[in-house]
C-alpha atoms as a PDB file:
ATOM      1  CA  MET A   1       0.226   0.037  -0.227  1.00  0.00           C
ATOM      2  CA  MET A   2       1.482   3.339  -0.925  1.00  0.00           C
ATOM      3  CA  SER A   3       1.854   5.499   2.308  1.00  0.00           C
ATOM      4  CA  ASN A   4       1.430   8.881   0.107  1.00  0.00           C
ATOM      5  CA  PRO A   5      -1.149   8.199  -2.960  1.00  0.00           C
ATOM      6  CA  ARG A   6      -1.801  11.152  -5.281  1.00  0.00           C
ATOM      7  CA  ARG A   7      -4.483  13.240  -5.204  1.00  0.00           C
ATOM      8  CA  ILE A   8      -7.512  12.321  -8.050  1.00  0.00           C
ATOM      9  CA  THR A   9      -7.956  15.542  -9.786  1.00  0.00           C
ATOM     10  CA  ALA A  10     -10.690  16.519 -12.206  1.00  0.00           C
ATOM     11  CA  ARG A  11      -8.740  15.684 -14.903  1.00  0.00           C
ATOM     12  CA  GLU A  12      -7.946  11.947 -13.652  1.00  0.00           C
ATOM     13  CA  ARG A  13     -11.532  11.612 -13.042  1.00  0.00           C
ATOM     14  CA  HIS A  14     -12.016  12.584 -16.650  1.00  0.00           C
ATOM     15  CA  LEU A  15      -9.529   9.983 -17.726  1.00  0.00           C
ATOM     16  CA  ILE A  16     -10.817   7.290 -15.692  1.00  0.00           C
ATOM     17  CA  LEU A  17     -14.302   7.813 -17.356  1.00  0.00           C
ATOM     18  CA  LEU A  18     -13.204   8.074 -20.809  1.00  0.00           C
ATOM     19  CA  TYR A  19     -11.077   4.523 -20.158  1.00  0.00           C
ATOM     20  CA  SER A  20     -13.987   3.039 -18.504  1.00  0.00           C
ATOM     21  CA  ASN A  21     -16.177   3.859 -21.698  1.00  0.00           C
ATOM     22  CA  TRP A  22     -13.611   3.089 -24.010  1.00  0.00           C
ATOM     23  CA  GLN A  23     -14.854   0.833 -27.075  1.00  0.00           C
ATOM     24  CA  PHE A  24     -11.716  -0.679 -27.736  1.00  0.00           C
ATOM     25  CA  GLY A  25     -11.544  -4.426 -29.005  1.00  0.00           C
ATOM     26  CA  MET A  26     -11.320  -6.778 -31.789  1.00  0.00           C
ATOM     27  CA  THR A  27     -13.337 -10.481 -32.276  1.00  0.00           C
ATOM     28  CA  PRO A  28     -11.003 -13.210 -32.993  1.00  0.00           C
ATOM     29  CA  THR A  29     -12.394 -13.522 -36.005  1.00  0.00           C
ATOM     30  CA  GLN A  30     -11.445 -10.278 -37.263  1.00  0.00           C
ATOM     31  CA  PHE A  31      -7.867 -10.591 -35.954  1.00  0.00           C
ATOM     32  CA  TYR A  32      -7.694 -14.033 -37.588  1.00  0.00           C
ATOM     33  CA  ALA A  33      -8.867 -12.602 -40.912  1.00  0.00           C
ATOM     34  CA  LYS A  34      -6.027  -9.854 -40.454  1.00  0.00           C
ATOM     35  CA  TRP A  35      -2.973 -11.375 -39.883  1.00  0.00           C
ATOM     36  CA  GLY A  36      -1.467 -14.746 -40.524  1.00  0.00           C
ATOM     37  CA  VAL A  37      -1.997 -15.893 -37.010  1.00  0.00           C
ATOM     38  CA  ASN A  38      -2.925 -19.680 -35.700  1.00  0.00           C
ATOM     39  CA  TYR A  39      -5.222 -20.285 -32.930  1.00  0.00           C
ATOM     40  CA  GLU A  40      -2.446 -20.923 -30.897  1.00  0.00           C
ATOM     41  CA  GLN A  41      -1.246 -17.288 -31.028  1.00  0.00           C
ATOM     42  CA  ILE A  42      -4.362 -15.846 -29.954  1.00  0.00           C
ATOM     43  CA  ALA A  43      -4.774 -18.203 -27.243  1.00  0.00           C
ATOM     44  CA  LEU A  44      -0.948 -16.797 -26.661  1.00  0.00           C
ATOM     45  CA  ILE A  45      -2.347 -12.902 -26.749  1.00  0.00           C
ATOM     46  CA  CYS A  46      -5.244 -13.423 -24.983  1.00  0.00           C
ATOM     47  CA  SER A  47      -3.642 -15.604 -22.010  1.00  0.00           C
ATOM     48  CA  ARG A  48      -6.266 -18.397 -22.677  1.00  0.00           C
ATOM     49  CA  SER A  49      -6.119 -22.228 -23.321  1.00  0.00           C
ATOM     50  CA  ASP A  50      -6.108 -23.465 -27.059  1.00  0.00           C
ATOM     51  CA  SER A  51      -9.228 -25.357 -26.616  1.00  0.00           C
ATOM     52  CA  THR A  52     -11.210 -22.008 -25.769  1.00  0.00           C
ATOM     53  CA  VAL A  53     -10.073 -20.239 -28.215  1.00  0.00           C
ATOM     54  CA  ARG A  54     -11.381 -22.647 -30.605  1.00  0.00           C
ATOM     55  CA  GLY A  55     -14.391 -22.774 -28.864  1.00  0.00           C
ATOM     56  CA  TRP A  56     -14.582 -18.831 -30.058  1.00  0.00           C
ATOM     57  CA  PHE A  57     -14.603 -20.077 -34.091  1.00  0.00           C
ATOM     58  CA  ARG A  58     -17.351 -23.071 -33.282  1.00  0.00           C
ATOM     59  CA  ASN A  59     -20.768 -22.825 -34.003  1.00  0.00           C
ATOM     60  CA  GLY A  60     -23.930 -24.548 -32.048  1.00  0.00           C
ATOM     61  CA  CYS A  61     -23.978 -25.499 -28.685  1.00  0.00           C
ATOM     62  CA  ASN A  62     -20.256 -25.738 -27.710  1.00  0.00           C
ATOM     63  CA  GLN A  63     -19.543 -22.452 -29.206  1.00  0.00           C
ATOM     64  CA  ARG A  64     -17.863 -20.016 -26.429  1.00  0.00           C
ATOM     65  CA  TYR A  65     -17.504 -16.053 -26.229  1.00  0.00           C
ATOM     66  CA  PRO A  66     -14.838 -13.824 -25.484  1.00  0.00           C
ATOM     67  CA  THR A  67     -14.511 -11.855 -22.852  1.00  0.00           C
ATOM     68  CA  TYR A  68     -14.376  -8.146 -23.383  1.00  0.00           C
ATOM     69  CA  ASN A  69     -10.349  -8.524 -21.994  1.00  0.00           C
ATOM     70  CA  ASP A  70     -10.195 -10.535 -24.655  1.00  0.00           C
ATOM     71  CA  LEU A  71     -11.486  -8.397 -27.338  1.00  0.00           C
ATOM     72  CA  ARG A  72      -9.214  -5.746 -25.992  1.00  0.00           C
ATOM     73  CA  HIS A  73      -5.567  -8.090 -25.521  1.00  0.00           C
ATOM     74  CA  LEU A  74      -6.275  -8.686 -29.683  1.00  0.00           C
ATOM     75  CA  ALA A  75      -7.408  -5.318 -30.266  1.00  0.00           C
ATOM     76  CA  LEU A  76      -4.076  -4.030 -28.333  1.00  0.00           C
ATOM     77  CA  MET A  77      -2.182  -5.980 -30.424  1.00  0.00           C
ATOM     78  CA  ASP A  78      -3.575  -5.384 -33.823  1.00  0.00           C
ATOM     79  CA  PHE A  79      -2.617  -1.993 -32.438  1.00  0.00           C
ATOM     80  CA  LEU A  80       1.344  -3.226 -31.690  1.00  0.00           C
ATOM     81  CA  LEU A  81       1.529  -5.014 -34.855  1.00  0.00           C
ATOM     82  CA  GLU A  82       0.497  -1.764 -37.191  1.00  0.00           C
ATOM     83  CA  HIS A  83       2.352   0.785 -35.077  1.00  0.00           C
ATOM     84  CA  PHE A  84       5.556  -0.757 -33.026  1.00  0.00           C
ATOM     85  CA  GLU A  85       8.054   1.098 -34.897  1.00  0.00           C
ATOM     86  CA  GLU A  86       6.102   4.431 -34.396  1.00  0.00           C
ATOM     87  CA  ILE A  87       6.065   4.248 -30.776  1.00  0.00           C
ATOM     88  CA  PRO A  88       8.270   6.746 -29.392  1.00  0.00           C
ATOM     89  CA  GLU A  89      11.294   4.647 -27.804  1.00  0.00           C
ATOM     90  CA  GLU A  90      10.074   6.442 -24.045  1.00  0.00           C
ATOM     91  CA  VAL A  91       6.639   4.953 -24.597  1.00  0.00           C
ATOM     92  CA  LEU A  92       8.143   1.559 -25.180  1.00  0.00           C
ATOM     93  CA  HIS A  93      10.283   2.027 -22.103  1.00  0.00           C
ATOM     94  CA  TRP A  94       7.678   2.872 -19.576  1.00  0.00           C
ATOM     95  CA  LEU A  95       5.350   0.237 -21.387  1.00  0.00           C
ATOM     96  CA  HIS A  96       8.768  -2.456 -20.468  1.00  0.00           C
ATOM     97  CA  LEU A  97       8.382  -3.096 -23.899  1.00  0.00           C
ATOM     98  CA  LYS A  98      11.745  -1.915 -24.911  1.00  0.00           C
ATOM     99  CA  ASN A  99      13.464  -4.326 -22.817  1.00  0.00           C
ATOM    100  CA  LEU A 100      11.260  -7.198 -23.773  1.00  0.00           C
ATOM    101  CA  GLU A 101      12.390  -6.392 -27.211  1.00  0.00           C
ATOM    102  CA  ASN A 102      15.917  -6.504 -26.650  1.00  0.00           C
ATOM    103  CA  SER A 103      15.774  -9.836 -24.448  1.00  0.00           C
ATOM    104  CA  LEU A 104      13.853 -11.577 -27.912  1.00  0.00           C
ATOM    105  CA  SER A 105      16.338  -9.896 -30.653  1.00  0.00           C
END
């Protein structure tokens, strides 16, 4: 627990409201159609099992549905795949992506 938390101002309340109403998502079908990925890679992106992801692509009584968090993960991955090189290095450091990129090279 922080001993001295930062005070929430009108700016932060506004940002929280914007974020909570943000309709940022991409369906597994849209992601699969756009990128040359397999179900296992979608499972990795969403931290789901392969069988759960396969269920998203089924029809009928065995069909499963992704959560809103799954849709956000896919939308964020789509954004990164489209724009990674355009993201300023400082932002990559804040997101701990620069160190990850170096370790995967």
